[in-house]
Amino acid sequence: MLRRTAADVLAILAVLAVIALVVGQLTGQPVLLGYVTSGSISPTLEAGDGFVAVPATMSDDIELGDVIVFDAIELQGGGLTTHRVVGIIDEGYITRGDNNPFSVVV
C-alpha cells in the first residue's frame, strides 16, 4: 500500500513538472524546471540537461558569472535562452553561452 501511494505521488509530481515546463515555454516565463536545447552553454550544461531556475524575485542581484534564463526576443525569433552574464551595462546585461563566440545584450 505504501509503495503504491509513493508511486502515485511521484506520478503526480512528474505530471506537474511537465505542465510547468510546457506552460513556461508557451508563456516565455522561466519556471523552476528547465532543460537545455542546444550546446551554447556547454560544457557547463549540455543539450538535454535539466536545471532549476530561481526566479529573479527570489534571488540575489545578478552578478558577473551568473547563469541566467531570459527571453531572447532578437535571437532566432525569440524563446527562452540560458547564458552566462559576462558584462553589466546601464541597458542591462551582456550574456554569452560558454560555447558561443558572440554576446547578447538583455
PDB file of N, CA and C in Angstrom:
ATOM      1  N   MET A   1       0.818  -1.189   0.000  1.00  0.00           N
ATOM      2  CA  MET A   1       0.000   0.000   0.000  1.00  0.00           C
ATOM      3  C   MET A   1       0.866   1.259   0.000  1.00  0.00           C
ATOM      4  N   LEU A   2       1.896   1.295   0.844  1.00  0.00           N
ATOM      5  CA  LEU A   2       2.781   2.451   0.917  1.00  0.00           C
ATOM      6  C   LEU A   2       3.535   2.643  -0.400  1.00  0.00           C
ATOM      7  N   ARG A   3       3.959   1.544  -1.010  1.00  0.00           N
ATOM      8  CA  ARG A   3       4.678   1.607  -2.277  1.00  0.00           C
ATOM      9  C   ARG A   3       3.791   2.192  -3.373  1.00  0.00           C
ATOM     10  N   ARG A   4       2.529   1.795  -3.402  1.00  0.00           N
ATOM     11  CA  ARG A   4       1.598   2.317  -4.414  1.00  0.00           C
ATOM     12  C   ARG A   4       1.347   3.805  -4.196  1.00  0.00           C
ATOM     13  N   THR A   5       1.199   4.220  -2.952  1.00  0.00           N
ATOM     14  CA  THR A   5       0.985   5.630  -2.639  1.00  0.00           C
ATOM     15  C   THR A   5       2.195   6.458  -3.075  1.00  0.00           C
ATOM     16  N   ALA A   6       3.392   5.973  -2.805  1.00  0.00           N
ATOM     17  CA  ALA A   6       4.608   6.676  -3.215  1.00  0.00           C
ATOM     18  C   ALA A   6       4.676   6.776  -4.734  1.00  0.00           C
ATOM     19  N   ALA A   7       4.331   5.712  -5.432  1.00  0.00           N
ATOM     20  CA  ALA A   7       4.335   5.732  -6.893  1.00  0.00           C
ATOM     21  C   ALA A   7       3.308   6.726  -7.423  1.00  0.00           C
ATOM     22  N   ASP A   8       2.149   6.791  -6.799  1.00  0.00           N
ATOM     23  CA  ASP A   8       1.112   7.748  -7.215  1.00  0.00           C
ATOM     24  C   ASP A   8       1.584   9.187  -7.012  1.00  0.00           C
ATOM     25  N   VAL A   9       2.225   9.456  -5.875  1.00  0.00           N
ATOM     26  CA  VAL A   9       2.723  10.798  -5.590  1.00  0.00           C
ATOM     27  C   VAL A   9       3.794  11.190  -6.617  1.00  0.00           C
ATOM     28  N   LEU A  10       4.712  10.278  -6.930  1.00  0.00           N
ATOM     29  CA  LEU A  10       5.752  10.557  -7.923  1.00  0.00           C
ATOM     30  C   LEU A  10       5.151  10.810  -9.307  1.00  0.00           C
ATOM     31  N   ALA A  11       4.124  10.054  -9.659  1.00  0.00           N
ATOM     32  CA  ALA A  11       3.469  10.257 -10.955  1.00  0.00           C
ATOM     33  C   ALA A  11       2.809  11.634 -11.018  1.00  0.00           C
ATOM     34  N   ILE A  12       2.163  12.035  -9.950  1.00  0.00           N
ATOM     35  CA  ILE A  12       1.527  13.360  -9.905  1.00  0.00           C
ATOM     36  C   ILE A  12       2.582  14.455 -10.002  1.00  0.00           C
ATOM     37  N   LEU A  13       3.696  14.310  -9.286  1.00  0.00           N
ATOM     38  CA  LEU A  13       4.776  15.303  -9.358  1.00  0.00           C
ATOM     39  C   LEU A  13       5.367  15.382 -10.763  1.00  0.00           C
ATOM     40  N   ALA A  14       5.522  14.244 -11.417  1.00  0.00           N
ATOM     41  CA  ALA A  14       6.047  14.239 -12.785  1.00  0.00           C
ATOM     42  C   ALA A  14       5.108  14.960 -13.737  1.00  0.00           C
ATOM     43  N   VAL A  15       3.810  14.729 -13.604  1.00  0.00           N
ATOM     44  CA  VAL A  15       2.826  15.401 -14.454  1.00  0.00           C
ATOM     45  C   VAL A  15       2.859  16.912 -14.199  1.00  0.00           C
ATOM     46  N   LEU A  16       2.927  17.318 -12.937  1.00  0.00           N
ATOM     47  CA  LEU A  16       3.001  18.744 -12.609  1.00  0.00           C
ATOM     48  C   LEU A  16       4.272  19.385 -13.167  1.00  0.00           C
ATOM     49  N   ALA A  17       5.387  18.669 -13.124  1.00  0.00           N
ATOM     50  CA  ALA A  17       6.637  19.195 -13.674  1.00  0.00           C
ATOM     51  C   ALA A  17       6.529  19.398 -15.180  1.00  0.00           C
ATOM     52  N   VAL A  18       5.936  18.441 -15.874  1.00  0.00           N
ATOM     53  CA  VAL A  18       5.762  18.570 -17.327  1.00  0.00           C
ATOM     54  C   VAL A  18       4.837  19.738 -17.648  1.00  0.00           C
ATOM     55  N   ILE A  19       3.757  19.874 -16.909  1.00  0.00           N
ATOM     56  CA  ILE A  19       2.835  21.002 -17.127  1.00  0.00           C
ATOM     57  C   ILE A  19       3.557  22.328 -16.904  1.00  0.00           C
ATOM     58  N   ALA A  20       4.364  22.423 -15.852  1.00  0.00           N
ATOM     59  CA  ALA A  20       5.115  23.653 -15.567  1.00  0.00           C
ATOM     60  C   ALA A  20       6.076  23.979 -16.704  1.00  0.00           C
ATOM     61  N   LEU A  21       6.756  22.967 -17.247  1.00  0.00           N
ATOM     62  CA  LEU A  21       7.672  23.200 -18.360  1.00  0.00           C
ATOM     63  C   LEU A  21       6.934  23.690 -19.598  1.00  0.00           C
ATOM     64  N   VAL A  22       5.817  23.055 -19.924  1.00  0.00           N
ATOM     65  CA  VAL A  22       5.050  23.437 -21.111  1.00  0.00           C
ATOM     66  C   VAL A  22       4.499  24.855 -20.961  1.00  0.00           C
ATOM     67  N   VAL A  23       3.902  25.151 -19.815  1.00  0.00           N
ATOM     68  CA  VAL A  23       3.345  26.487 -19.585  1.00  0.00           C
ATOM     69  C   VAL A  23       4.461  27.536 -19.637  1.00  0.00           C
ATOM     70  N   GLY A  24       5.597  27.248 -19.043  1.00  0.00           N
ATOM     71  CA  GLY A  24       6.721  28.177 -19.080  1.00  0.00           C
ATOM     72  C   GLY A  24       7.200  28.435 -20.500  1.00  0.00           C
ATOM     73  N   GLN A  25       7.298  27.395 -21.306  1.00  0.00           N
ATOM     74  CA  GLN A  25       7.728  27.568 -22.694  1.00  0.00           C
ATOM     75  C   GLN A  25       6.696  28.364 -23.485  1.00  0.00           C
ATOM     76  N   LEU A  26       5.412  28.090 -23.276  1.00  0.00           N
ATOM     77  CA  LEU A  26       4.354  28.780 -24.023  1.00  0.00           C
ATOM     78  C   LEU A  26       4.224  30.247 -23.637  1.00  0.00           C
ATOM     79  N   THR A  27       4.455  30.560 -22.375  1.00  0.00           N
ATOM     80  CA  THR A  27       4.306  31.944 -21.911  1.00  0.00           C
ATOM     81  C   THR A  27       5.606  32.731 -21.950  1.00  0.00           C
ATOM     82  N   GLY A  28       6.723  32.059 -22.201  1.00  0.00           N
ATOM     83  CA  GLY A  28       8.010  32.753 -22.247  1.00  0.00           C
ATOM     84  C   GLY A  28       8.525  33.150 -20.880  1.00  0.00           C
ATOM     85  N   GLN A  29       8.010  32.528 -19.836  1.00  0.00           N
ATOM     86  CA  GLN A  29       8.446  32.838 -18.474  1.00  0.00           C
ATOM     87  C   GLN A  29       9.295  31.696 -17.938  1.00  0.00           C
ATOM     88  N   PRO A  30      10.481  32.016 -17.420  1.00  0.00           N
ATOM     89  CA  PRO A  30      11.277  30.955 -16.807  1.00  0.00           C
ATOM     90  C   PRO A  30      10.512  30.305 -15.656  1.00  0.00           C
ATOM     91  N   VAL A  31      10.582  29.020 -15.581  1.00  0.00           N
ATOM     92  CA  VAL A  31       9.938  28.284 -14.498  1.00  0.00           C
ATOM     93  C   VAL A  31      11.024  27.605 -13.673  1.00  0.00           C
ATOM     94  N   LEU A  32      10.629  27.006 -12.600  1.00  0.00           N
ATOM     95  CA  LEU A  32      11.618  26.393 -11.722  1.00  0.00           C
ATOM     96  C   LEU A  32      12.349  25.227 -12.362  1.00  0.00           C
ATOM     97  N   LEU A  33      11.730  24.552 -13.328  1.00  0.00           N
ATOM     98  CA  LEU A  33      12.382  23.441 -14.015  1.00  0.00           C
ATOM     99  C   LEU A  33      12.572  23.803 -15.476  1.00  0.00           C
ATOM    100  N   GLY A  34      13.745  23.527 -16.008  1.00  0.00           N
ATOM    101  CA  GLY A  34      14.009  23.803 -17.410  1.00  0.00           C
ATOM    102  C   GLY A  34      14.971  22.780 -17.967  1.00  0.00           C
ATOM    103  N   TYR A  35      15.218  22.873 -19.269  1.00  0.00           N
ATOM    104  CA  TYR A  35      16.182  21.990 -19.897  1.00  0.00           C
ATOM    105  C   TYR A  35      16.894  22.744 -21.009  1.00  0.00           C
ATOM    106  N   VAL A  36      18.088  22.308 -21.319  1.00  0.00           N
ATOM    107  CA  VAL A  36      18.925  22.951 -22.319  1.00  0.00           C
ATOM    108  C   VAL A  36      18.625  22.318 -23.673  1.00  0.00           C
ATOM    109  N   THR A  37      18.408  23.157 -24.694  1.00  0.00           N
ATOM    110  CA  THR A  37      18.054  22.639 -26.019  1.00  0.00           C
ATOM    111  C   THR A  37      19.194  22.705 -27.021  1.00  0.00           C
ATOM    112  N   SER A  38      20.325  23.351 -26.653  1.00  0.00           N
ATOM    113  CA  SER A  38      21.450  23.438 -27.584  1.00  0.00           C
ATOM    114  C   SER A  38      22.747  23.296 -26.800  1.00  0.00           C
ATOM    115  N   GLY A  39      23.853  23.362 -27.522  1.00  0.00           N
ATOM    116  CA  GLY A  39      25.160  23.249 -26.877  1.00  0.00           C
ATOM    117  C   GLY A  39      25.787  24.584 -26.555  1.00  0.00           C
ATOM    118  N   SER A  40      24.998  25.677 -26.559  1.00  0.00           N
ATOM    119  CA  SER A  40      25.580  27.009 -26.397  1.00  0.00           C
ATOM    120  C   SER A  40      26.182  27.255 -25.018  1.00  0.00           C
ATOM    121  N   ILE A  41      25.750  26.558 -23.995  1.00  0.00           N
ATOM    122  CA  ILE A  41      26.267  26.766 -22.642  1.00  0.00           C
ATOM    123  C   ILE A  41      27.208  25.619 -22.230  1.00  0.00           C
ATOM    124  N   SER A  42      27.530  24.757 -23.188  1.00  0.00           N
ATOM    125  CA  SER A  42      28.440  23.642 -22.959  1.00  0.00           C
ATOM    126  C   SER A  42      29.842  24.185 -22.668  1.00  0.00           C
ATOM    127  N   PRO A  43      30.616  23.624 -21.814  1.00  0.00           N
ATOM    128  CA  PRO A  43      30.462  22.365 -21.111  1.00  0.00           C
ATOM    129  C   PRO A  43      29.746  22.483 -19.766  1.00  0.00           C
ATOM    130  N   THR A  44      29.325  23.693 -19.382  1.00  0.00           N
ATOM    131  CA  THR A  44      28.634  23.851 -18.099  1.00  0.00           C
ATOM    132  C   THR A  44      27.359  23.026 -18.088  1.00  0.00           C
ATOM    133  N   LEU A  45      26.535  23.178 -19.115  1.00  0.00           N
ATOM    134  CA  LEU A  45      25.322  22.392 -19.290  1.00  0.00           C
ATOM    135  C   LEU A  45      25.292  21.889 -20.723  1.00  0.00           C
ATOM    136  N   GLU A  46      24.966  20.625 -20.902  1.00  0.00           N
ATOM    137  CA  GLU A  46      24.886  20.021 -22.237  1.00  0.00           C
ATOM    138  C   GLU A  46      23.434  19.991 -22.699  1.00  0.00           C
ATOM    139  N   ALA A  47      23.232  19.903 -24.009  1.00  0.00           N
ATOM    140  CA  ALA A  47      21.879  19.777 -24.549  1.00  0.00           C
ATOM    141  C   ALA A  47      21.185  18.589 -23.892  1.00  0.00           C
ATOM    142  N   GLY A  48      19.967  18.816 -23.430  1.00  0.00           N
ATOM    143  CA  GLY A  48      19.204  17.772 -22.753  1.00  0.00           C
ATOM    144  C   GLY A  48      19.327  17.808 -21.237  1.00  0.00           C
ATOM    145  N   ASP A  49      20.316  18.524 -20.704  1.00  0.00           N
ATOM    146  CA  ASP A  49      20.461  18.631 -19.252  1.00  0.00           C
ATOM    147  C   ASP A  49      19.294  19.426 -18.673  1.00  0.00           C
ATOM    148  N   GLY A  50      18.823  18.998 -17.537  1.00  0.00           N
ATOM    149  CA  GLY A  50      17.790  19.733 -16.824  1.00  0.00           C
ATOM    150  C   GLY A  50      18.423  20.660 -15.809  1.00  0.00           C
ATOM    151  N   PHE A  51      17.684  21.691 -15.420  1.00  0.00           N
ATOM    152  CA  PHE A  51      18.184  22.608 -14.406  1.00  0.00           C
ATOM    153  C   PHE A  51      17.017  23.227 -13.662  1.00  0.00           C
ATOM    154  N   VAL A  52      17.329  23.806 -12.518  1.00  0.00           N
ATOM    155  CA  VAL A  52      16.347  24.538 -11.728  1.00  0.00           C
ATOM    156  C   VAL A  52      16.684  26.015 -11.847  1.00  0.00           C
ATOM    157  N   ALA A  53      15.732  26.820 -12.328  1.00  0.00           N
ATOM    158  CA  ALA A  53      15.923  28.259 -12.455  1.00  0.00           C
ATOM    159  C   ALA A  53      15.202  28.955 -11.308  1.00  0.00           C
ATOM    160  N   VAL A  54      15.919  29.779 -10.595  1.00  0.00           N
ATOM    161  CA  VAL A  54      15.335  30.530  -9.490  1.00  0.00           C
ATOM    162  C   VAL A  54      14.828  31.862 -10.043  1.00  0.00           C
ATOM    163  N   PRO A  55      13.543  32.171  -9.884  1.00  0.00           N
ATOM    164  CA  PRO A  55      13.020  33.448 -10.386  1.00  0.00           C
ATOM    165  C   PRO A  55      13.785  34.629  -9.787  1.00  0.00           C
ATOM    166  N   ALA A  56      13.951  35.680 -10.586  1.00  0.00           N
ATOM    167  CA  ALA A  56      14.734  36.848 -10.169  1.00  0.00           C
ATOM    168  C   ALA A  56      14.211  37.462  -8.878  1.00  0.00           C
ATOM    169  N   THR A  57      12.900  37.392  -8.662  1.00  0.00           N
ATOM    170  CA  THR A  57      12.323  37.980  -7.452  1.00  0.00           C
ATOM    171  C   THR A  57      12.732  37.224  -6.193  1.00  0.00           C
ATOM    172  N   MET A  58      13.260  36.014  -6.353  1.00  0.00           N
ATOM    173  CA  MET A  58      13.630  35.197  -5.199  1.00  0.00           C
ATOM    174  C   MET A  58      15.144  35.040  -5.050  1.00  0.00           C
ATOM    175  N   SER A  59      15.911  35.721  -5.884  1.00  0.00           N
ATOM    176  CA  SER A  59      17.362  35.537  -5.837  1.00  0.00           C
ATOM    177  C   SER A  59      18.065  36.853  -5.500  1.00  0.00           C
ATOM    178  N   ASP A  60      19.359  36.750  -5.292  1.00  0.00           N
ATOM    179  CA  ASP A  60      20.181  37.939  -5.075  1.00  0.00           C
ATOM    180  C   ASP A  60      20.309  38.694  -6.394  1.00  0.00           C
ATOM    181  N   ASP A  61      20.962  39.849  -6.350  1.00  0.00           N
ATOM    182  CA  ASP A  61      21.218  40.609  -7.569  1.00  0.00           C
ATOM    183  C   ASP A  61      22.053  39.771  -8.529  1.00  0.00           C
ATOM    184  N   ILE A  62      21.818  39.963  -9.819  1.00  0.00           N
ATOM    185  CA  ILE A  62      22.579  39.254 -10.838  1.00  0.00           C
ATOM    186  C   ILE A  62      23.991  39.830 -10.883  1.00  0.00           C
ATOM    187  N   GLU A  63      24.984  38.930 -10.912  1.00  0.00           N
ATOM    188  CA  GLU A  63      26.387  39.327 -10.917  1.00  0.00           C
ATOM    189  C   GLU A  63      27.106  38.699 -12.093  1.00  0.00           C
ATOM    190  N   LEU A  64      28.306  39.224 -12.389  1.00  0.00           N
ATOM    191  CA  LEU A  64      29.146  38.620 -13.422  1.00  0.00           C
ATOM    192  C   LEU A  64      29.356  37.147 -13.117  1.00  0.00           C
ATOM    193  N   GLY A  65      29.236  36.314 -14.132  1.00  0.00           N
ATOM    194  CA  GLY A  65      29.444  34.879 -13.969  1.00  0.00           C
ATOM    195  C   GLY A  65      28.182  34.092 -13.692  1.00  0.00           C
ATOM    196  N   ASP A  66      27.095  34.764 -13.304  1.00  0.00           N
ATOM    197  CA  ASP A  66      25.830  34.063 -13.074  1.00  0.00           C
ATOM    198  C   ASP A  66      25.282  33.525 -14.388  1.00  0.00           C
ATOM    199  N   VAL A  67      24.606  32.398 -14.323  1.00  0.00           N
ATOM    200  CA  VAL A  67      23.898  31.851 -15.484  1.00  0.00           C
ATOM    201  C   VAL A  67      22.435  32.243 -15.328  1.00  0.00           C
ATOM    202  N   ILE A  68      21.880  32.887 -16.374  1.00  0.00           N
ATOM    203  CA  ILE A  68      20.508  33.371 -16.309  1.00  0.00           C
ATOM    204  C   ILE A  68      19.687  32.808 -17.469  1.00  0.00           C
ATOM    205  N   VAL A  69      18.381  32.824 -17.296  1.00  0.00           N
ATOM    206  CA  VAL A  69      17.437  32.419 -18.335  1.00  0.00           C
ATOM    207  C   VAL A  69      16.640  33.665 -18.706  1.00  0.00           C
ATOM    208  N   PHE A  70      16.543  33.945 -20.017  1.00  0.00           N
ATOM    209  CA  PHE A  70      15.831  35.139 -20.471  1.00  0.00           C
ATOM    210  C   PHE A  70      15.144  34.861 -21.794  1.00  0.00           C
ATOM    211  N   ASP A  71      14.196  35.712 -22.147  1.00  0.00           N
ATOM    212  CA  ASP A  71      13.509  35.611 -23.427  1.00  0.00           C
ATOM    213  C   ASP A  71      14.349  36.343 -24.463  1.00  0.00           C
ATOM    214  N   ALA A  72      14.970  35.598 -25.341  1.00  0.00           N
ATOM    215  CA  ALA A  72      15.876  36.157 -26.347  1.00  0.00           C
ATOM    216  C   ALA A  72      15.080  36.604 -27.570  1.00  0.00           C
ATOM    217  N   ILE A  73      14.397  37.711 -27.439  1.00  0.00           N
ATOM    218  CA  ILE A  73      13.488  38.206 -28.475  1.00  0.00           C
ATOM    219  C   ILE A  73      14.207  38.393 -29.811  1.00  0.00           C
ATOM    220  N   GLU A  74      15.447  38.846 -29.786  1.00  0.00           N
ATOM    221  CA  GLU A  74      16.148  39.154 -31.030  1.00  0.00           C
ATOM    222  C   GLU A  74      17.037  38.017 -31.524  1.00  0.00           C
ATOM    223  N   LEU A  75      16.976  36.853 -30.907  1.00  0.00           N
ATOM    224  CA  LEU A  75      17.752  35.696 -31.352  1.00  0.00           C
ATOM    225  C   LEU A  75      16.818  34.667 -31.980  1.00  0.00           C
ATOM    226  N   GLN A  76      16.946  34.411 -33.233  1.00  0.00           N
ATOM    227  CA  GLN A  76      16.206  33.361 -33.919  1.00  0.00           C
ATOM    228  C   GLN A  76      14.720  33.356 -33.568  1.00  0.00           C
ATOM    229  N   GLY A  77      14.097  34.522 -33.538  1.00  0.00           N
ATOM    230  CA  GLY A  77      12.664  34.602 -33.300  1.00  0.00           C
ATOM    231  C   GLY A  77      12.243  34.541 -31.855  1.00  0.00           C
ATOM    232  N   GLY A  78      13.161  34.561 -30.928  1.00  0.00           N
ATOM    233  CA  GLY A  78      12.811  34.577 -29.518  1.00  0.00           C
ATOM    234  C   GLY A  78      12.797  33.197 -28.890  1.00  0.00           C
ATOM    235  N   GLY A  79      12.416  33.164 -27.644  1.00  0.00           N
ATOM    236  CA  GLY A  79      12.388  31.927 -26.873  1.00  0.00           C
ATOM    237  C   GLY A  79      13.327  32.029 -25.687  1.00  0.00           C
ATOM    238  N   LEU A  80      13.141  31.137 -24.748  1.00  0.00           N
ATOM    239  CA  LEU A  80      13.978  31.147 -23.551  1.00  0.00           C
ATOM    240  C   LEU A  80      15.395  30.710 -23.892  1.00  0.00           C
ATOM    241  N   THR A  81      16.362  31.457 -23.368  1.00  0.00           N
ATOM    242  CA  THR A  81      17.776  31.200 -23.628  1.00  0.00           C
ATOM    243  C   THR A  81      18.520  31.193 -22.299  1.00  0.00           C
ATOM    244  N   THR A  82      19.496  30.308 -22.177  1.00  0.00           N
ATOM    245  CA  THR A  82      20.308  30.190 -20.973  1.00  0.00           C
ATOM    246  C   THR A  82      21.734  30.593 -21.323  1.00  0.00           C
ATOM    247  N   HIS A  83      22.215  31.688 -20.751  1.00  0.00           N
ATOM    248  CA  HIS A  83      23.562  32.204 -20.997  1.00  0.00           C
ATOM    249  C   HIS A  83      24.193  32.658 -19.686  1.00  0.00           C
ATOM    250  N   ARG A  84      25.506  32.876 -19.749  1.00  0.00           N
ATOM    251  CA  ARG A  84      26.256  33.395 -18.609  1.00  0.00           C
ATOM    252  C   ARG A  84      26.379  34.917 -18.744  1.00  0.00           C
ATOM    253  N   VAL A  85      26.273  35.640 -17.637  1.00  0.00           N
ATOM    254  CA  VAL A  85      26.446  37.087 -17.635  1.00  0.00           C
ATOM    255  C   VAL A  85      27.947  37.382 -17.713  1.00  0.00           C
ATOM    256  N   VAL A  86      28.359  38.107 -18.782  1.00  0.00           N
ATOM    257  CA  VAL A  86      29.774  38.442 -18.964  1.00  0.00           C
ATOM    258  C   VAL A  86      30.023  39.942 -18.841  1.00  0.00           C
ATOM    259  N   GLY A  87      28.942  40.716 -18.686  1.00  0.00           N
ATOM    260  CA  GLY A  87      29.091  42.152 -18.515  1.00  0.00           C
ATOM    261  C   GLY A  87      27.808  42.769 -17.996  1.00  0.00           C
ATOM    262  N   ILE A  88      27.939  43.862 -17.285  1.00  0.00           N
ATOM    263  CA  ILE A  88      26.773  44.591 -16.773  1.00  0.00           C
ATOM    264  C   ILE A  88      26.904  46.025 -17.268  1.00  0.00           C
ATOM    265  N   ILE A  89      25.861  46.509 -17.964  1.00  0.00           N
ATOM    266  CA  ILE A  89      25.853  47.858 -18.509  1.00  0.00           C
ATOM    267  C   ILE A  89      24.553  48.548 -18.099  1.00  0.00           C
ATOM    268  N   ASP A  90      24.457  49.847 -18.363  1.00  0.00           N
ATOM    269  CA  ASP A  90      23.257  50.596 -17.989  1.00  0.00           C
ATOM    270  C   ASP A  90      22.001  50.016 -18.623  1.00  0.00           C
ATOM    271  N   GLU A  91      22.119  49.496 -19.849  1.00  0.00           N
ATOM    272  CA  GLU A  91      20.959  48.972 -20.577  1.00  0.00           C
ATOM    273  C   GLU A  91      20.536  47.581 -20.102  1.00  0.00           C
ATOM    274  N   GLY A  92      21.364  46.893 -19.353  1.00  0.00           N
ATOM    275  CA  GLY A  92      21.030  45.547 -18.892  1.00  0.00           C
ATOM    276  C   GLY A  92      22.278  44.702 -18.711  1.00  0.00           C
ATOM    277  N   TYR A  93      22.254  43.506 -19.280  1.00  0.00           N
ATOM    278  CA  TYR A  93      23.345  42.551 -19.104  1.00  0.00           C
ATOM    279  C   TYR A  93      23.879  42.115 -20.458  1.00  0.00           C
ATOM    280  N   ILE A  94      25.173  41.876 -20.509  1.00  0.00           N
ATOM    281  CA  ILE A  94      25.784  41.263 -21.682  1.00  0.00           C
ATOM    282  C   ILE A  94      25.941  39.789 -21.339  1.00  0.00           C
ATOM    283  N   THR A  95      25.385  38.924 -22.184  1.00  0.00           N
ATOM    284  CA  THR A  95      25.429  37.491 -21.912  1.00  0.00           C
ATOM    285  C   THR A  95      26.080  36.759 -23.077  1.00  0.00           C
ATOM    286  N   ARG A  96      26.547  35.556 -22.788  1.00  0.00           N
ATOM    287  CA  ARG A  96      27.143  34.713 -23.819  1.00  0.00           C
ATOM    288  C   ARG A  96      27.050  33.267 -23.350  1.00  0.00           C
ATOM    289  N   GLY A  97      26.725  32.407 -24.265  1.00  0.00           N
ATOM    290  CA  GLY A  97      26.826  30.988 -23.969  1.00  0.00           C
ATOM    291  C   GLY A  97      28.297  30.626 -23.824  1.00  0.00           C
ATOM    292  N   ASP A  98      28.634  29.730 -22.922  1.00  0.00           N
ATOM    293  CA  ASP A  98      30.032  29.364 -22.698  1.00  0.00           C
ATOM    294  C   ASP A  98      30.688  28.832 -23.971  1.00  0.00           C
ATOM    295  N   ASN A  99      29.879  28.336 -24.912  1.00  0.00           N
ATOM    296  CA  ASN A  99      30.381  27.740 -26.136  1.00  0.00           C
ATOM    297  C   ASN A  99      30.082  28.620 -27.343  1.00  0.00           C
ATOM    298  N   ASN A 100      29.781  29.911 -27.133  1.00  0.00           N
ATOM    299  CA  ASN A 100      29.420  30.818 -28.218  1.00  0.00           C
ATOM    300  C   ASN A 100      30.507  31.870 -28.430  1.00  0.00           C
ATOM    301  N   PRO A 101      30.722  32.277 -29.693  1.00  0.00           N
ATOM    302  CA  PRO A 101      31.677  33.338 -29.967  1.00  0.00           C
ATOM    303  C   PRO A 101      31.074  34.748 -29.902  1.00  0.00           C
ATOM    304  N   PHE A 102      29.757  34.859 -29.712  1.00  0.00           N
ATOM    305  CA  PHE A 102      29.103  36.172 -29.738  1.00  0.00           C
ATOM    306  C   PHE A 102      28.364  36.430 -28.440  1.00  0.00           C
ATOM    307  N   SER A 103      28.139  37.729 -28.171  1.00  0.00           N
ATOM    308  CA  SER A 103      27.440  38.152 -26.953  1.00  0.00           C
ATOM    309  C   SER A 103      26.071  38.701 -27.299  1.00  0.00           C
ATOM    310  N   VAL A 104      25.197  38.747 -26.300  1.00  0.00           N
ATOM    311  CA  VAL A 104      23.838  39.270 -26.450  1.00  0.00           C
ATOM    312  C   VAL A 104      23.586  40.243 -25.308  1.00  0.00           C
ATOM    313  N   VAL A 105      23.009  41.400 -25.618  1.00  0.00           N
ATOM    314  CA  VAL A 105      22.613  42.352 -24.580  1.00  0.00           C
ATOM    315  C   VAL A 105      21.167  42.097 -24.241  1.00  0.00           C
ATOM    316  N   VAL A 106      20.877  41.904 -22.955  1.00  0.00           N
ATOM    317  CA  VAL A 106      19.488  41.708 -22.498  1.00  0.00           C
ATOM    318  C   VAL A 106      19.150  42.692 -21.408  1.00  0.00           C
TER     319      VAL A 106
END
